[in-house]
PDB file of N, CA and C in Angstrom:
ATOM      1  N   MET A   1      37.551   0.641  63.055  1.00  0.00           N
ATOM      2  CA  MET A   1      37.665   2.020  63.998  1.00  0.00           C
ATOM      3  C   MET A   1      38.706   2.201  63.989  1.00  0.00           C
ATOM      4  N   PRO A   2      39.766   3.531  63.574  1.00  0.00           N
ATOM      5  CA  PRO A   2      40.941   3.907  63.908  1.00  0.00           C
ATOM      6  C   PRO A   2      41.758   4.092  65.185  1.00  0.00           C
ATOM      7  N   GLN A   3      40.592   4.841  65.979  1.00  0.00           N
ATOM      8  CA  GLN A   3      41.337   4.677  67.355  1.00  0.00           C
ATOM      9  C   GLN A   3      41.578   3.491  68.275  1.00  0.00           C
ATOM     10  N   LEU A   4      41.530   2.338  67.768  1.00  0.00           N
ATOM     11  CA  LEU A   4      41.924   1.106  68.301  1.00  0.00           C
ATOM     12  C   LEU A   4      43.272   0.678  67.540  1.00  0.00           C
ATOM     13  N   ASN A   5      43.766   1.317  66.689  1.00  0.00           N
ATOM     14  CA  ASN A   5      44.969   0.899  66.050  1.00  0.00           C
ATOM     15  C   ASN A   5      46.021   1.666  67.016  1.00  0.00           C
ATOM     16  N   PRO A   6      46.601   1.111  67.667  1.00  0.00           N
ATOM     17  CA  PRO A   6      47.630   1.550  68.719  1.00  0.00           C
ATOM     18  C   PRO A   6      49.162   1.732  68.163  1.00  0.00           C
ATOM     19  N   THR A   7      49.321   1.723  66.950  1.00  0.00           N
ATOM     20  CA  THR A   7      50.820   2.173  66.447  1.00  0.00           C
ATOM     21  C   THR A   7      50.774   3.890  66.772  1.00  0.00           C
ATOM     22  N   PRO A   8      50.059   4.686  66.092  1.00  0.00           N
ATOM     23  CA  PRO A   8      50.246   5.897  66.437  1.00  0.00           C
ATOM     24  C   PRO A   8      50.413   6.381  67.765  1.00  0.00           C
ATOM     25  N   TRP A   9      49.538   5.806  68.716  1.00  0.00           N
ATOM     26  CA  TRP A   9      49.396   6.495  70.040  1.00  0.00           C
ATOM     27  C   TRP A   9      50.616   5.852  70.801  1.00  0.00           C
ATOM     28  N   PHE A  10      51.233   4.543  70.323  1.00  0.00           N
ATOM     29  CA  PHE A  10      52.459   4.059  71.276  1.00  0.00           C
ATOM     30  C   PHE A  10      53.603   4.996  70.942  1.00  0.00           C
ATOM     31  N   ALA A  11      53.577   5.293  69.526  1.00  0.00           N
ATOM     32  CA  ALA A  11      55.041   6.307  69.329  1.00  0.00           C
ATOM     33  C   ALA A  11      54.643   7.730  69.853  1.00  0.00           C
ATOM     34  N   ILE A  12      53.132   8.151  70.182  1.00  0.00           N
ATOM     35  CA  ILE A  12      53.246   9.284  70.727  1.00  0.00           C
ATOM     36  C   ILE A  12      53.562   9.293  72.396  1.00  0.00           C
ATOM     37  N   LEU A  13      53.255   7.928  72.906  1.00  0.00           N
ATOM     38  CA  LEU A  13      53.350   7.862  74.269  1.00  0.00           C
ATOM     39  C   LEU A  13      55.117   7.805  74.399  1.00  0.00           C
ATOM     40  N   VAL A  14      55.846   7.134  73.429  1.00  0.00           N
ATOM     41  CA  VAL A  14      57.159   6.942  73.624  1.00  0.00           C
ATOM     42  C   VAL A  14      58.100   8.379  73.536  1.00  0.00           C
ATOM     43  N   PHE A  15      57.388   9.075  72.536  1.00  0.00           N
ATOM     44  CA  PHE A  15      57.785  10.426  72.336  1.00  0.00           C
ATOM     45  C   PHE A  15      57.903  11.696  73.192  1.00  0.00           C
ATOM     46  N   SER A  16      56.666  11.079  73.826  1.00  0.00           N
ATOM     47  CA  SER A  16      56.551  12.080  75.187  1.00  0.00           C
ATOM     48  C   SER A  16      57.058  11.684  76.359  1.00  0.00           C
ATOM     49  N   TRP A  17      57.593  10.581  76.951  1.00  0.00           N
ATOM     50  CA  TRP A  17      58.034   9.699  77.736  1.00  0.00           C
ATOM     51  C   TRP A  17      60.076  10.375  77.213  1.00  0.00           C
ATOM     52  N   LEU A  18      60.098  10.148  76.115  1.00  0.00           N
ATOM     53  CA  LEU A  18      61.462  10.783  75.506  1.00  0.00           C
ATOM     54  C   LEU A  18      61.637  12.213  76.221  1.00  0.00           C
ATOM     55  N   VAL A  19      60.691  13.023  75.681  1.00  0.00           N
ATOM     56  CA  VAL A  19      60.638  14.603  76.162  1.00  0.00           C
ATOM     57  C   VAL A  19      60.892  14.705  77.398  1.00  0.00           C
ATOM     58  N   PHE A  20      59.973  14.211  78.270  1.00  0.00           N
ATOM     59  CA  PHE A  20      60.019  14.285  79.547  1.00  0.00           C
ATOM     60  C   PHE A  20      61.452  13.787  80.257  1.00  0.00           C
ATOM     61  N   LEU A  21      61.946  12.661  79.710  1.00  0.00           N
ATOM     62  CA  LEU A  21      62.996  12.104  80.519  1.00  0.00           C
ATOM     63  C   LEU A  21      64.236  12.587  80.026  1.00  0.00           C
ATOM     64  N   ALA A  22      64.350  13.272  78.839  1.00  0.00           N
ATOM     65  CA  ALA A  22      65.453  13.575  78.317  1.00  0.00           C
ATOM     66  C   ALA A  22      65.781  15.243  78.250  1.00  0.00           C
ATOM     67  N   VAL A  23      64.662  15.749  78.044  1.00  0.00           N
ATOM     68  CA  VAL A  23      64.874  17.083  77.695  1.00  0.00           C
ATOM     69  C   VAL A  23      64.437  17.914  78.845  1.00  0.00           C
ATOM     70  N   LEU A  24      63.613  17.579  79.655  1.00  0.00           N
ATOM     71  CA  LEU A  24      63.053  18.570  80.709  1.00  0.00           C
ATOM     72  C   LEU A  24      64.175  18.651  81.808  1.00  0.00           C
ATOM     73  N   PRO A  25      64.544  17.223  82.351  1.00  0.00           N
ATOM     74  CA  PRO A  25      65.299  17.614  83.401  1.00  0.00           C
ATOM     75  C   PRO A  25      66.701  18.223  83.517  1.00  0.00           C
ATOM     76  N   PRO A  26      67.437  18.380  82.509  1.00  0.00           N
ATOM     77  CA  PRO A  26      68.329  19.438  82.215  1.00  0.00           C
ATOM     78  C   PRO A  26      67.986  20.839  82.497  1.00  0.00           C
ATOM     79  N   LYS A  27      66.874  20.921  81.808  1.00  0.00           N
ATOM     80  CA  LYS A  27      66.144  22.429  81.938  1.00  0.00           C
ATOM     81  C   LYS A  27      65.829  22.941  83.289  1.00  0.00           C
ATOM     82  N   VAL A  28      65.224  21.837  83.718  1.00  0.00           N
ATOM     83  CA  VAL A  28      64.973  22.242  85.518  1.00  0.00           C
ATOM     84  C   VAL A  28      65.820  22.207  86.268  1.00  0.00           C
ATOM     85  N   LEU A  29      67.052  21.335  85.954  1.00  0.00           N
ATOM     86  CA  LEU A  29      68.124  21.571  86.780  1.00  0.00           C
ATOM     87  C   LEU A  29      69.217  22.702  86.856  1.00  0.00           C
ATOM     88  N   ALA A  30      69.132  23.501  85.529  1.00  0.00           N
ATOM     89  CA  ALA A  30      69.611  24.204  85.448  1.00  0.00           C
ATOM     90  C   ALA A  30      69.380  25.716  86.155  1.00  0.00           C
ATOM     91  N   HIS A  31      68.352  25.721  86.561  1.00  0.00           N
ATOM     92  CA  HIS A  31      67.657  27.125  87.571  1.00  0.00           C
ATOM     93  C   HIS A  31      68.750  26.908  88.762  1.00  0.00           C
ATOM     94  N   THR A  32      69.076  28.129  89.136  1.00  0.00           N
ATOM     95  CA  THR A  32      69.832  28.352  90.477  1.00  0.00           C
ATOM     96  C   THR A  32      68.901  29.164  91.337  1.00  0.00           C
ATOM     97  N   PHE A  33      69.362  29.192  92.577  1.00  0.00           N
ATOM     98  CA  PHE A  33      68.529  30.072  93.748  1.00  0.00           C
ATOM     99  C   PHE A  33      69.446  31.410  93.337  1.00  0.00           C
ATOM    100  N   PRO A  34      68.656  32.286  93.305  1.00  0.00           N
ATOM    101  CA  PRO A  34      69.431  33.840  93.426  1.00  0.00           C
ATOM    102  C   PRO A  34      70.368  34.257  94.483  1.00  0.00           C
ATOM    103  N   ASN A  35      69.921  33.646  95.777  1.00  0.00           N
ATOM    104  CA  ASN A  35      70.670  33.644  97.016  1.00  0.00           C
ATOM    105  C   ASN A  35      71.137  32.313  97.543  1.00  0.00           C
ATOM    106  N   GLU A  36      72.789  31.937  97.611  1.00  0.00           N
ATOM    107  CA  GLU A  36      72.984  30.945  98.150  1.00  0.00           C
ATOM    108  C   GLU A  36      72.690  30.735  99.729  1.00  0.00           C
ATOM    109  N   PRO A  37      72.323  29.786 100.175  1.00  0.00           N
ATOM    110  CA  PRO A  37      72.109  29.854 101.843  1.00  0.00           C
ATOM    111  C   PRO A  37      73.073  29.870 102.493  1.00  0.00           C
ATOM    112  N   THR A  38      73.134  30.394 103.695  1.00  0.00           N
ATOM    113  CA  THR A  38      74.507  30.520 104.557  1.00  0.00           C
ATOM    114  C   THR A  38      74.475  30.079 105.520  1.00  0.00           C
ATOM    115  N   LEU A  39      75.258  29.375 106.223  1.00  0.00           N
ATOM    116  CA  LEU A  39      75.063  28.501 107.608  1.00  0.00           C
ATOM    117  C   LEU A  39      75.084  29.534 108.984  1.00  0.00           C
ATOM    118  N   GLN A  40      74.077  29.175 109.583  1.00  0.00           N
ATOM    119  CA  GLN A  40      73.677  30.198 110.707  1.00  0.00           C
ATOM    120  C   GLN A  40      74.405  29.538 112.088  1.00  0.00           C
ATOM    121  N   SER A  41      74.889  30.451 113.003  1.00  0.00           N
ATOM    122  CA  SER A  41      75.741  30.057 114.087  1.00  0.00           C
ATOM    123  C   SER A  41      74.859  29.360 115.236  1.00  0.00           C
ATOM    124  N   THR A  42      75.786  28.557 115.579  1.00  0.00           N
ATOM    125  CA  THR A  42      74.927  27.794 116.771  1.00  0.00           C
ATOM    126  C   THR A  42      74.621  27.999 118.007  1.00  0.00           C
ATOM    127  N   ASP A  43      75.336  29.530 118.302  1.00  0.00           N
ATOM    128  CA  ASP A  43      75.371  30.104 119.452  1.00  0.00           C
ATOM    129  C   ASP A  43      73.578  30.610 119.491  1.00  0.00           C
ATOM    130  N   LYS A  44      72.992  30.593 120.716  1.00  0.00           N
ATOM    131  CA  LYS A  44      71.819  30.899 121.089  1.00  0.00           C
ATOM    132  C   LYS A  44      71.563  32.383 121.610  1.00  0.00           C
ATOM    133  N   PRO A  45      70.726  33.412 120.594  1.00  0.00           N
ATOM    134  CA  PRO A  45      70.800  34.800 121.086  1.00  0.00           C
ATOM    135  C   PRO A  45      70.349  34.701 122.506  1.00  0.00           C
ATOM    136  N   LYS A  46      71.167  36.144 122.851  1.00  0.00           N
ATOM    137  CA  LYS A  46      70.709  36.210 124.433  1.00  0.00           C
ATOM    138  C   LYS A  46      69.425  36.948 124.677  1.00  0.00           C
ATOM    139  N   THR A  47      68.409  36.626 125.238  1.00  0.00           N
ATOM    140  CA  THR A  47      67.001  36.991 125.428  1.00  0.00           C
ATOM    141  C   THR A  47      66.829  37.685 126.629  1.00  0.00           C
ATOM    142  N   ASP A  48      66.132  38.782 126.833  1.00  0.00           N
ATOM    143  CA  ASP A  48      65.763  39.806 128.039  1.00  0.00           C
ATOM    144  C   ASP A  48      64.762  38.773 128.497  1.00  0.00           C
ATOM    145  N   PRO A  49      64.364  38.975 129.867  1.00  0.00           N
ATOM    146  CA  PRO A  49      63.417  38.565 130.635  1.00  0.00           C
ATOM    147  C   PRO A  49      62.210  39.470 130.282  1.00  0.00           C
ATOM    148  N   TRP A  50      60.753  38.821 130.626  1.00  0.00           N
ATOM    149  CA  TRP A  50      59.676  39.907 130.538  1.00  0.00           C
ATOM    150  C   TRP A  50      59.589  40.579 131.487  1.00  0.00           C
ATOM    151  N   THR A  51      59.563  42.020 131.354  1.00  0.00           N
ATOM    152  CA  THR A  51      59.515  42.748 132.337  1.00  0.00           C
ATOM    153  C   THR A  51      58.210  43.863 132.787  1.00  0.00           C
ATOM    154  N   TRP A  52      57.394  43.663 131.890  1.00  0.00           N
ATOM    155  CA  TRP A  52      56.138  44.425 131.945  1.00  0.00           C
ATOM    156  C   TRP A  52      55.449  43.936 133.000  1.00  0.00           C
ATOM    157  N   PRO A  53      54.537  44.563 133.730  1.00  0.00           N
ATOM    158  CA  PRO A  53      53.792  43.978 135.050  1.00  0.00           C
ATOM    159  C   PRO A  53      52.365  43.272 134.473  1.00  0.00           C
ATOM    160  N   TRP A  54      51.867  42.353 135.219  1.00  0.00           N
ATOM    161  CA  TRP A  54      50.962  41.547 134.625  1.00  0.00           C
ATOM    162  C   TRP A  54      49.571  42.032 135.044  1.00  0.00           C
ATOM    163  N   HIS A  55      49.210  43.242 135.498  1.00  0.00           N
ATOM    164  CA  HIS A  55      48.057  43.723 135.882  1.00  0.00           C
ATOM    165  C   HIS A  55      47.871  45.018 135.213  1.00  0.00           C
TER     166      HIS A  55
END
């Protein structure tokens, strides 16, 4: 039964992990955001009170 021979499957496992750990992370980390986040001020905006009647 050839499916019980671990030699080709172990090589496939090692090669696939090599691809996942060596090739893909630099490709994923090379992506950048189109807009860099900017810091917002810590001042609270002035809000107006609710002026509508309740009835």
